[in-house]
Amino acid sequence: MSQHTPNELTEIFKRDRDLLTKLKAEDAHYARLAEDYHAVNREVHRIEAETEAASDERTEDLKKKRLKMLDEITAIVDAARAKA
């Protein structure tokens, strides 16, 4: 498995790395959501890299969950960006 995991929040929000750090420290909901996103994203990556087995249905469910969390994270980041 490669060292790089696609779809990491720091890659998606490259311009907002400092903001992500601030949100993680100051917003418990964001911090929990980011941790959950990270766990699901890593699981999807392991499945796609074929180091972990999963059914197609499980994989699709995880991808949908990841996308839903990313939508919520994006809304939080956008709102924080607007306040800054």
PDB file of N, CA and C in Angstrom:
ATOM      1  N   MET A   1       0.850  -1.173   0.000  1.00  0.00           N
ATOM      2  CA  MET A   1       0.000   0.000   0.000  1.00  0.00           C
ATOM      3  C   MET A   1       0.895   1.235   0.000  1.00  0.00           C
ATOM      4  N   SER A   2       0.510   2.211  -0.775  1.00  0.00           N
ATOM      5  CA  SER A   2       1.313   3.425  -0.856  1.00  0.00           C
ATOM      6  C   SER A   2       1.170   4.236   0.423  1.00  0.00           C
ATOM      7  N   GLN A   3       2.116   5.134   0.630  1.00  0.00           N
ATOM      8  CA  GLN A   3       2.091   6.001   1.798  1.00  0.00           C
ATOM      9  C   GLN A   3       0.994   7.048   1.678  1.00  0.00           C
ATOM     10  N   HIS A   4       0.609   7.380   0.462  1.00  0.00           N
ATOM     11  CA  HIS A   4      -0.365   8.438   0.245  1.00  0.00           C
ATOM     12  C   HIS A   4      -1.778   7.874   0.190  1.00  0.00           C
ATOM     13  N   THR A   5      -2.627   8.396   1.035  1.00  0.00           N
ATOM     14  CA  THR A   5      -4.034   8.005   1.016  1.00  0.00           C
ATOM     15  C   THR A   5      -4.818   9.105   0.321  1.00  0.00           C
ATOM     16  N   PRO A   6      -5.482   8.800  -0.788  1.00  0.00           N
ATOM     17  CA  PRO A   6      -6.274   9.820  -1.489  1.00  0.00           C
ATOM     18  C   PRO A   6      -7.419  10.339  -0.628  1.00  0.00           C
ATOM     19  N   ASN A   7      -7.885  11.514  -0.961  1.00  0.00           N
ATOM     20  CA  ASN A   7      -9.063  12.132  -0.337  1.00  0.00           C
ATOM     21  C   ASN A   7      -8.869  12.550   1.114  1.00  0.00           C
ATOM     22  N   GLU A   8      -7.628  12.791   1.527  1.00  0.00           N
ATOM     23  CA  GLU A   8      -7.388  13.320   2.870  1.00  0.00           C
ATOM     24  C   GLU A   8      -7.870  14.763   2.918  1.00  0.00           C
ATOM     25  N   LEU A   9      -8.377  15.185   4.052  1.00  0.00           N
ATOM     26  CA  LEU A   9      -8.903  16.542   4.181  1.00  0.00           C
ATOM     27  C   LEU A   9      -7.835  17.599   3.899  1.00  0.00           C
ATOM     28  N   THR A  10      -6.603  17.338   4.305  1.00  0.00           N
ATOM     29  CA  THR A  10      -5.540  18.322   4.052  1.00  0.00           C
ATOM     30  C   THR A  10      -5.228  18.456   2.567  1.00  0.00           C
ATOM     31  N   GLU A  11      -5.539  17.454   1.795  1.00  0.00           N
ATOM     32  CA  GLU A  11      -5.371  17.547   0.342  1.00  0.00           C
ATOM     33  C   GLU A  11      -6.575  18.232  -0.300  1.00  0.00           C
ATOM     34  N   ILE A  12      -7.753  17.915   0.182  1.00  0.00           N
ATOM     35  CA  ILE A  12      -8.975  18.502  -0.367  1.00  0.00           C
ATOM     36  C   ILE A  12      -9.027  20.000  -0.078  1.00  0.00           C
ATOM     37  N   PHE A  13      -8.611  20.369   1.138  1.00  0.00           N
ATOM     38  CA  PHE A  13      -8.647  21.772   1.560  1.00  0.00           C
ATOM     39  C   PHE A  13      -7.228  22.318   1.713  1.00  0.00           C
ATOM     40  N   LYS A  14      -6.423  22.198   0.662  1.00  0.00           N
ATOM     41  CA  LYS A  14      -5.014  22.609   0.721  1.00  0.00           C
ATOM     42  C   LYS A  14      -4.835  24.043   1.206  1.00  0.00           C
ATOM     43  N   ARG A  15      -5.676  24.952   0.733  1.00  0.00           N
ATOM     44  CA  ARG A  15      -5.545  26.368   1.099  1.00  0.00           C
ATOM     45  C   ARG A  15      -5.984  26.641   2.528  1.00  0.00           C
ATOM     46  N   ASP A  16      -6.676  25.702   3.140  1.00  0.00           N
ATOM     47  CA  ASP A  16      -7.275  25.933   4.452  1.00  0.00           C
ATOM     48  C   ASP A  16      -6.656  25.084   5.564  1.00  0.00           C
ATOM     49  N   ARG A  17      -5.414  24.680   5.411  1.00  0.00           N
ATOM     50  CA  ARG A  17      -4.802  23.805   6.422  1.00  0.00           C
ATOM     51  C   ARG A  17      -4.806  24.429   7.811  1.00  0.00           C
ATOM     52  N   ASP A  18      -4.478  25.732   7.904  1.00  0.00           N
ATOM     53  CA  ASP A  18      -4.484  26.408   9.204  1.00  0.00           C
ATOM     54  C   ASP A  18      -5.900  26.449   9.780  1.00  0.00           C
ATOM     55  N   LEU A  19      -6.871  26.689   8.922  1.00  0.00           N
ATOM     56  CA  LEU A  19      -8.266  26.727   9.359  1.00  0.00           C
ATOM     57  C   LEU A  19      -8.709  25.354   9.863  1.00  0.00           C
ATOM     58  N   LEU A  20      -8.300  24.290   9.186  1.00  0.00           N
ATOM     59  CA  LEU A  20      -8.649  22.931   9.631  1.00  0.00           C
ATOM     60  C   LEU A  20      -8.075  22.661  11.019  1.00  0.00           C
ATOM     61  N   THR A  21      -6.842  23.094  11.227  1.00  0.00           N
ATOM     62  CA  THR A  21      -6.200  22.909  12.531  1.00  0.00           C
ATOM     63  C   THR A  21      -6.960  23.673  13.610  1.00  0.00           C
ATOM     64  N   LYS A  22      -7.341  24.905  13.296  1.00  0.00           N
ATOM     65  CA  LYS A  22      -8.092  25.722  14.244  1.00  0.00           C
ATOM     66  C   LYS A  22      -9.451  25.094  14.551  1.00  0.00           C
ATOM     67  N   LEU A  23     -10.152  24.655  13.514  1.00  0.00           N
ATOM     68  CA  LEU A  23     -11.456  24.016  13.714  1.00  0.00           C
ATOM     69  C   LEU A  23     -11.328  22.769  14.582  1.00  0.00           C
ATOM     70  N   LYS A  24     -10.303  21.983  14.323  1.00  0.00           N
ATOM     71  CA  LYS A  24     -10.116  20.748  15.085  1.00  0.00           C
ATOM     72  C   LYS A  24      -9.902  21.044  16.568  1.00  0.00           C
ATOM     73  N   ALA A  25      -9.235  22.160  16.860  1.00  0.00           N
ATOM     74  CA  ALA A  25      -8.958  22.530  18.248  1.00  0.00           C
ATOM     75  C   ALA A  25     -10.155  23.198  18.926  1.00  0.00           C
ATOM     76  N   GLU A  26     -10.966  23.916  18.167  1.00  0.00           N
ATOM     77  CA  GLU A  26     -12.017  24.749  18.761  1.00  0.00           C
ATOM     78  C   GLU A  26     -13.445  24.234  18.569  1.00  0.00           C
ATOM     79  N   ASP A  27     -13.657  23.305  17.660  1.00  0.00           N
ATOM     80  CA  ASP A  27     -15.008  22.836  17.348  1.00  0.00           C
ATOM     81  C   ASP A  27     -15.062  21.319  17.536  1.00  0.00           C
ATOM     82  N   ALA A  28     -15.643  20.899  18.660  1.00  0.00           N
ATOM     83  CA  ALA A  28     -15.687  19.469  18.989  1.00  0.00           C
ATOM     84  C   ALA A  28     -16.449  18.662  17.936  1.00  0.00           C
ATOM     85  N   HIS A  29     -17.528  19.234  17.405  1.00  0.00           N
ATOM     86  CA  HIS A  29     -18.292  18.528  16.368  1.00  0.00           C
ATOM     87  C   HIS A  29     -17.428  18.313  15.129  1.00  0.00           C
ATOM     88  N   TYR A  30     -16.738  19.365  14.687  1.00  0.00           N
ATOM     89  CA  TYR A  30     -15.855  19.227  13.521  1.00  0.00           C
ATOM     90  C   TYR A  30     -14.754  18.203  13.807  1.00  0.00           C
ATOM     91  N   ALA A  31     -14.143  18.276  14.977  1.00  0.00           N
ATOM     92  CA  ALA A  31     -13.051  17.359  15.317  1.00  0.00           C
ATOM     93  C   ALA A  31     -13.510  15.909  15.243  1.00  0.00           C
ATOM     94  N   ARG A  32     -14.680  15.626  15.798  1.00  0.00           N
ATOM     95  CA  ARG A  32     -15.230  14.258  15.774  1.00  0.00           C
ATOM     96  C   ARG A  32     -15.550  13.835  14.339  1.00  0.00           C
ATOM     97  N   LEU A  33     -16.148  14.756  13.583  1.00  0.00           N
ATOM     98  CA  LEU A  33     -16.494  14.471  12.192  1.00  0.00           C
ATOM     99  C   LEU A  33     -15.244  14.214  11.353  1.00  0.00           C
ATOM    100  N   ALA A  34     -14.210  15.013  11.570  1.00  0.00           N
ATOM    101  CA  ALA A  34     -12.959  14.836  10.827  1.00  0.00           C
ATOM    102  C   ALA A  34     -12.316  13.492  11.157  1.00  0.00           C
ATOM    103  N   GLU A  35     -12.352  13.098  12.421  1.00  0.00           N
ATOM    104  CA  GLU A  35     -11.797  11.798  12.811  1.00  0.00           C
ATOM    105  C   GLU A  35     -12.583  10.653  12.188  1.00  0.00           C
ATOM    106  N   ASP A  36     -13.908  10.761  12.198  1.00  0.00           N
ATOM    107  CA  ASP A  36     -14.753   9.737  11.576  1.00  0.00           C
ATOM    108  C   ASP A  36     -14.486   9.667  10.070  1.00  0.00           C
ATOM    109  N   TYR A  37     -14.377  10.834   9.434  1.00  0.00           N
ATOM    110  CA  TYR A  37     -14.082  10.884   7.999  1.00  0.00           C
ATOM    111  C   TYR A  37     -12.753  10.183   7.727  1.00  0.00           C
ATOM    112  N   HIS A  38     -11.760  10.511   8.532  1.00  0.00           N
ATOM    113  CA  HIS A  38     -10.430   9.929   8.356  1.00  0.00           C
ATOM    114  C   HIS A  38     -10.493   8.398   8.438  1.00  0.00           C
ATOM    115  N   ALA A  39     -11.215   7.879   9.416  1.00  0.00           N
ATOM    116  CA  ALA A  39     -11.320   6.425   9.594  1.00  0.00           C
ATOM    117  C   ALA A  39     -12.008   5.773   8.394  1.00  0.00           C
ATOM    118  N   VAL A  40     -13.110   6.352   7.936  1.00  0.00           N
ATOM    119  CA  VAL A  40     -13.832   5.794   6.787  1.00  0.00           C
ATOM    120  C   VAL A  40     -12.976   5.908   5.527  1.00  0.00           C
ATOM    121  N   ASN A  41     -12.321   7.031   5.349  1.00  0.00           N
ATOM    122  CA  ASN A  41     -11.481   7.225   4.168  1.00  0.00           C
ATOM    123  C   ASN A  41     -10.352   6.197   4.121  1.00  0.00           C
ATOM    124  N   ARG A  42      -9.729   5.955   5.261  1.00  0.00           N
ATOM    125  CA  ARG A  42      -8.659   4.950   5.310  1.00  0.00           C
ATOM    126  C   ARG A  42      -9.199   3.557   4.982  1.00  0.00           C
ATOM    127  N   GLU A  43     -10.380   3.248   5.479  1.00  0.00           N
ATOM    128  CA  GLU A  43     -10.973   1.944   5.193  1.00  0.00           C
ATOM    129  C   GLU A  43     -11.258   1.794   3.699  1.00  0.00           C
ATOM    130  N   VAL A  44     -11.811   2.834   3.084  1.00  0.00           N
ATOM    131  CA  VAL A  44     -12.064   2.805   1.639  1.00  0.00           C
ATOM    132  C   VAL A  44     -10.749   2.609   0.890  1.00  0.00           C
ATOM    133  N   HIS A  45      -9.733   3.321   1.312  1.00  0.00           N
ATOM    134  CA  HIS A  45      -8.428   3.206   0.647  1.00  0.00           C
ATOM    135  C   HIS A  45      -7.872   1.781   0.757  1.00  0.00           C
ATOM    136  N   ARG A  46      -7.990   1.184   1.939  1.00  0.00           N
ATOM    137  CA  ARG A  46      -7.493  -0.195   2.096  1.00  0.00           C
ATOM    138  C   ARG A  46      -8.255  -1.163   1.188  1.00  0.00           C
ATOM    139  N   ILE A  47      -9.556  -0.960   1.059  1.00  0.00           N
ATOM    140  CA  ILE A  47     -10.373  -1.816   0.186  1.00  0.00           C
ATOM    141  C   ILE A  47      -9.951  -1.622  -1.264  1.00  0.00           C
ATOM    142  N   GLU A  48      -9.800  -0.359  -1.677  1.00  0.00           N
ATOM    143  CA  GLU A  48      -9.418  -0.081  -3.061  1.00  0.00           C
ATOM    144  C   GLU A  48      -8.002  -0.558  -3.373  1.00  0.00           C
ATOM    145  N   ALA A  49      -7.130  -0.558  -2.373  1.00  0.00           N
ATOM    146  CA  ALA A  49      -5.759  -1.037  -2.561  1.00  0.00           C
ATOM    147  C   ALA A  49      -5.681  -2.560  -2.440  1.00  0.00           C
ATOM    148  N   GLU A  50      -6.829  -3.172  -2.186  1.00  0.00           N
ATOM    149  CA  GLU A  50      -6.971  -4.623  -2.069  1.00  0.00           C
ATOM    150  C   GLU A  50      -6.152  -5.213  -0.925  1.00  0.00           C
ATOM    151  N   THR A  51      -5.982  -4.434   0.145  1.00  0.00           N
ATOM    152  CA  THR A  51      -5.343  -4.966   1.343  1.00  0.00           C
ATOM    153  C   THR A  51      -6.392  -5.366   2.378  1.00  0.00           C
ATOM    154  N   GLU A  52      -7.638  -5.047   2.074  1.00  0.00           N
ATOM    155  CA  GLU A  52      -8.767  -5.411   2.932  1.00  0.00           C
ATOM    156  C   GLU A  52      -9.922  -5.826   2.019  1.00  0.00           C
ATOM    157  N   ALA A  53     -10.552  -6.919   2.355  1.00  0.00           N
ATOM    158  CA  ALA A  53     -11.653  -7.412   1.531  1.00  0.00           C
ATOM    159  C   ALA A  53     -12.975  -6.807   1.989  1.00  0.00           C
ATOM    160  N   ALA A  54     -13.839  -6.562   1.017  1.00  0.00           N
ATOM    161  CA  ALA A  54     -15.184  -6.064   1.317  1.00  0.00           C
ATOM    162  C   ALA A  54     -16.074  -6.315   0.107  1.00  0.00           C
ATOM    163  N   SER A  55     -17.340  -6.479   0.384  1.00  0.00           N
ATOM    164  CA  SER A  55     -18.296  -6.653  -0.707  1.00  0.00           C
ATOM    165  C   SER A  55     -18.468  -5.324  -1.436  1.00  0.00           C
ATOM    166  N   ASP A  56     -18.991  -5.394  -2.644  1.00  0.00           N
ATOM    167  CA  ASP A  56     -19.264  -4.170  -3.394  1.00  0.00           C
ATOM    168  C   ASP A  56     -20.252  -3.291  -2.639  1.00  0.00           C
ATOM    169  N   GLU A  57     -21.232  -3.921  -2.010  1.00  0.00           N
ATOM    170  CA  GLU A  57     -22.234  -3.172  -1.252  1.00  0.00           C
ATOM    171  C   GLU A  57     -21.585  -2.436  -0.079  1.00  0.00           C
ATOM    172  N   ARG A  58     -20.706  -3.101   0.645  1.00  0.00           N
ATOM    173  CA  ARG A  58     -19.995  -2.469   1.775  1.00  0.00           C
ATOM    174  C   ARG A  58     -19.154  -1.293   1.283  1.00  0.00           C
ATOM    175  N   THR A  59     -18.466  -1.503   0.182  1.00  0.00           N
ATOM    176  CA  THR A  59     -17.626  -0.448  -0.375  1.00  0.00           C
ATOM    177  C   THR A  59     -18.464   0.763  -0.763  1.00  0.00           C
ATOM    178  N   GLU A  60     -19.572   0.529  -1.430  1.00  0.00           N
ATOM    179  CA  GLU A  60     -20.450   1.640  -1.838  1.00  0.00           C
ATOM    180  C   GLU A  60     -21.040   2.356  -0.634  1.00  0.00           C
ATOM    181  N   ASP A  61     -21.425   1.602   0.397  1.00  0.00           N
ATOM    182  CA  ASP A  61     -21.961   2.213   1.616  1.00  0.00           C
ATOM    183  C   ASP A  61     -20.911   3.122   2.271  1.00  0.00           C
ATOM    184  N   LEU A  62     -19.672   2.646   2.313  1.00  0.00           N
ATOM    185  CA  LEU A  62     -18.599   3.453   2.894  1.00  0.00           C
ATOM    186  C   LEU A  62     -18.345   4.722   2.078  1.00  0.00           C
ATOM    187  N   LYS A  63     -18.360   4.585   0.768  1.00  0.00           N
ATOM    188  CA  LYS A  63     -18.140   5.758  -0.091  1.00  0.00           C
ATOM    189  C   LYS A  63     -19.261   6.788   0.077  1.00  0.00           C
ATOM    190  N   LYS A  64     -20.495   6.314   0.206  1.00  0.00           N
ATOM    191  CA  LYS A  64     -21.618   7.226   0.424  1.00  0.00           C
ATOM    192  C   LYS A  64     -21.486   7.919   1.775  1.00  0.00           C
ATOM    193  N   LYS A  65     -21.093   7.161   2.787  1.00  0.00           N
ATOM    194  CA  LYS A  65     -20.900   7.734   4.121  1.00  0.00           C
ATOM    195  C   LYS A  65     -19.802   8.789   4.078  1.00  0.00           C
ATOM    196  N   ARG A  66     -18.699   8.475   3.407  1.00  0.00           N
ATOM    197  CA  ARG A  66     -17.582   9.414   3.282  1.00  0.00           C
ATOM    198  C   ARG A  66     -18.029  10.691   2.576  1.00  0.00           C
ATOM    199  N   LEU A  67     -18.800  10.560   1.521  1.00  0.00           N
ATOM    200  CA  LEU A  67     -19.276  11.724   0.774  1.00  0.00           C
ATOM    201  C   LEU A  67     -20.210  12.587   1.621  1.00  0.00           C
ATOM    202  N   LYS A  68     -21.089  11.945   2.381  1.00  0.00           N
ATOM    203  CA  LYS A  68     -22.001  12.689   3.254  1.00  0.00           C
ATOM    204  C   LYS A  68     -21.212  13.470   4.307  1.00  0.00           C
ATOM    205  N   MET A  69     -20.212  12.831   4.896  1.00  0.00           N
ATOM    206  CA  MET A  69     -19.376  13.516   5.882  1.00  0.00           C
ATOM    207  C   MET A  69     -18.596  14.661   5.238  1.00  0.00           C
ATOM    208  N   LEU A  70     -18.098  14.446   4.028  1.00  0.00           N
ATOM    209  CA  LEU A  70     -17.354  15.494   3.332  1.00  0.00           C
ATOM    210  C   LEU A  70     -18.246  16.687   3.036  1.00  0.00           C
ATOM    211  N   ASP A  71     -19.490  16.441   2.688  1.00  0.00           N
ATOM    212  CA  ASP A  71     -20.438  17.540   2.468  1.00  0.00           C
ATOM    213  C   ASP A  71     -20.607  18.370   3.739  1.00  0.00           C
ATOM    214  N   GLU A  72     -20.739  17.698   4.864  1.00  0.00           N
ATOM    215  CA  GLU A  72     -20.903  18.408   6.141  1.00  0.00           C
ATOM    216  C   GLU A  72     -19.622  19.160   6.513  1.00  0.00           C
ATOM    217  N   ILE A  73     -18.489  18.535   6.310  1.00  0.00           N
ATOM    218  CA  ILE A  73     -17.206  19.186   6.593  1.00  0.00           C
ATOM    219  C   ILE A  73     -17.028  20.414   5.719  1.00  0.00           C
ATOM    220  N   THR A  74     -17.377  20.292   4.445  1.00  0.00           N
ATOM    221  CA  THR A  74     -17.262  21.424   3.519  1.00  0.00           C
ATOM    222  C   THR A  74     -18.132  22.592   3.983  1.00  0.00           C
ATOM    223  N   ALA A  75     -19.332  22.300   4.453  1.00  0.00           N
ATOM    224  CA  ALA A  75     -20.222  23.356   4.940  1.00  0.00           C
ATOM    225  C   ALA A  75     -19.608  24.054   6.159  1.00  0.00           C
ATOM    226  N   ILE A  76     -18.998  23.280   7.056  1.00  0.00           N
ATOM    227  CA  ILE A  76     -18.371  23.854   8.239  1.00  0.00           C
ATOM    228  C   ILE A  76     -17.180  24.724   7.842  1.00  0.00           C
ATOM    229  N   VAL A  77     -16.349  24.218   6.935  1.00  0.00           N
ATOM    230  CA  VAL A  77     -15.178  24.974   6.484  1.00  0.00           C
ATOM    231  C   VAL A  77     -15.605  26.243   5.766  1.00  0.00           C
ATOM    232  N   ASP A  78     -16.601  26.145   4.908  1.00  0.00           N
ATOM    233  CA  ASP A  78     -17.095  27.325   4.197  1.00  0.00           C
ATOM    234  C   ASP A  78     -17.611  28.386   5.162  1.00  0.00           C
ATOM    235  N   ALA A  79     -18.353  27.961   6.183  1.00  0.00           N
ATOM    236  CA  ALA A  79     -18.884  28.903   7.176  1.00  0.00           C
ATOM    237  C   ALA A  79     -17.753  29.548   7.963  1.00  0.00           C
ATOM    238  N   ALA A  80     -16.757  28.761   8.342  1.00  0.00           N
ATOM    239  CA  ALA A  80     -15.608  29.307   9.084  1.00  0.00           C
ATOM    240  C   ALA A  80     -14.803  30.260   8.213  1.00  0.00           C
ATOM    241  N   ARG A  81     -14.676  29.922   6.940  1.00  0.00           N
ATOM    242  CA  ARG A  81     -13.953  30.779   6.001  1.00  0.00           C
ATOM    243  C   ARG A  81     -14.671  32.120   5.851  1.00  0.00           C
ATOM    244  N   ALA A  82     -15.992  32.079   5.832  1.00  0.00           N
ATOM    245  CA  ALA A  82     -16.785  33.302   5.680  1.00  0.00           C
ATOM    246  C   ALA A  82     -16.653  34.209   6.908  1.00  0.00           C
ATOM    247  N   LYS A  83     -16.471  33.630   8.082  1.00  0.00           N
ATOM    248  CA  LYS A  83     -16.312  34.393   9.320  1.00  0.00           C
ATOM    249  C   LYS A  83     -14.925  35.029   9.421  1.00  0.00           C
ATOM    250  N   ALA A  84     -13.958  34.406   8.774  1.00  0.00           N
ATOM    251  CA  ALA A  84     -12.560  34.874   8.890  1.00  0.00           C
ATOM    252  C   ALA A  84     -12.322  36.163   8.144  1.00  0.00           C
TER     253      ALA A  84
END
